[in-house]
Amino acid sequence: MDRSPQGRRVRLISTSDPYTTQLKPGDEGTALWVDDMGTLHVEWDVGSNLGMIPGEDHWEFINDDHPVE
């Protein structure tokens, strides 16, 4: 990632694990931190804390130009 994600707003595009989360495409949250494995930890507005895994999950930083894949 090109800069610290902490505090940036995130919008879910898709997740590779739709069976263990209630998150739906379009849900939004706030980025907390990125761990050593590259997982983006998010505090989702709907109460979930599912982390986003690059290459498995797809999201975008709101007001950024392109999704993260």
Protein backbone atom coordinates (compact mmCIF):
# COMPACT_ATOMS: atom_id res chain seq x y z
CA MET A 1 0.00 0.00 0.00
CA ASP A 2 1.29 3.38 -0.90
CA ARG A 3 0.63 5.08 2.45
CA SER A 4 -0.55 4.29 5.95
CA PRO A 5 -4.14 3.09 5.81
CA GLN A 6 -4.96 3.99 9.42
CA GLY A 7 -8.12 6.08 9.56
CA ARG A 8 -8.88 5.83 5.84
CA ARG A 9 -12.40 4.87 4.84
CA VAL A 10 -12.82 1.51 3.07
CA ARG A 11 -15.64 0.13 0.89
CA LEU A 12 -16.01 -3.62 0.34
CA ILE A 13 -16.19 -4.76 -3.27
CA SER A 14 -16.13 -8.51 -2.59
CA THR A 15 -14.84 -11.06 -0.12
CA SER A 16 -13.60 -14.57 -0.78
CA ASP A 17 -15.30 -15.80 2.40
CA PRO A 18 -18.98 -14.85 2.12
CA TYR A 19 -20.13 -17.69 4.40
CA THR A 20 -18.47 -16.50 7.61
CA THR A 21 -19.35 -12.82 7.36
CA GLN A 22 -22.48 -10.73 7.13
CA LEU A 23 -20.60 -8.11 5.10
CA LYS A 24 -22.07 -7.24 1.72
CA PRO A 25 -20.56 -5.41 -1.24
CA GLY A 26 -20.83 -1.69 -0.61
CA ASP A 27 -20.40 -1.94 3.18
CA GLU A 28 -18.00 0.64 4.55
CA GLY A 29 -15.62 0.88 7.46
CA THR A 30 -12.47 2.47 8.82
CA ALA A 31 -9.01 0.98 8.26
CA LEU A 32 -7.15 0.25 11.48
CA TRP A 33 -3.80 -1.28 10.51
CA VAL A 34 -2.01 -3.78 8.26
CA ASP A 35 -0.38 -6.83 9.84
CA ASP A 36 2.85 -8.57 8.81
CA MET A 37 0.92 -10.83 6.40
CA GLY A 38 -0.55 -7.82 4.58
CA THR A 39 -4.08 -8.24 5.96
CA LEU A 40 -5.91 -4.93 6.23
CA HIS A 41 -7.80 -4.85 9.52
CA VAL A 42 -11.03 -2.87 9.30
CA GLU A 43 -13.63 -1.73 11.79
CA TRP A 44 -16.73 -2.13 9.62
CA ASP A 45 -19.70 0.16 10.28
CA VAL A 46 -21.98 -2.90 10.56
CA GLY A 47 -19.96 -4.21 13.53
CA SER A 48 -17.75 -6.77 11.79
CA ASN A 49 -13.98 -6.79 12.18
CA LEU A 50 -13.16 -9.05 9.22
CA GLY A 51 -9.70 -8.38 7.80
CA MET A 52 -9.18 -7.96 4.08
CA ILE A 53 -6.58 -10.22 2.47
CA PRO A 54 -4.89 -8.83 -0.66
CA GLY A 55 -5.48 -11.12 -3.64
CA GLU A 56 -8.44 -12.81 -1.93
CA ASP A 57 -10.67 -9.89 -1.02
CA HIS A 58 -11.36 -6.73 -2.97
CA TRP A 59 -11.94 -3.30 -1.52
CA GLU A 60 -11.32 0.31 -2.29
CA PHE A 61 -10.32 3.28 -0.25
CA ILE A 62 -13.14 5.77 -0.58
CA ASN A 63 -12.18 8.75 -2.71
CA ASP A 64 -9.23 6.79 -4.18
CA ASP A 65 -9.08 6.08 -7.90
CA HIS A 66 -8.91 2.29 -8.09
CA PRO A 67 -9.72 -0.86 -6.08
CA VAL A 68 -7.07 -2.86 -4.25
CA GLU A 69 -6.75 -6.40 -5.58
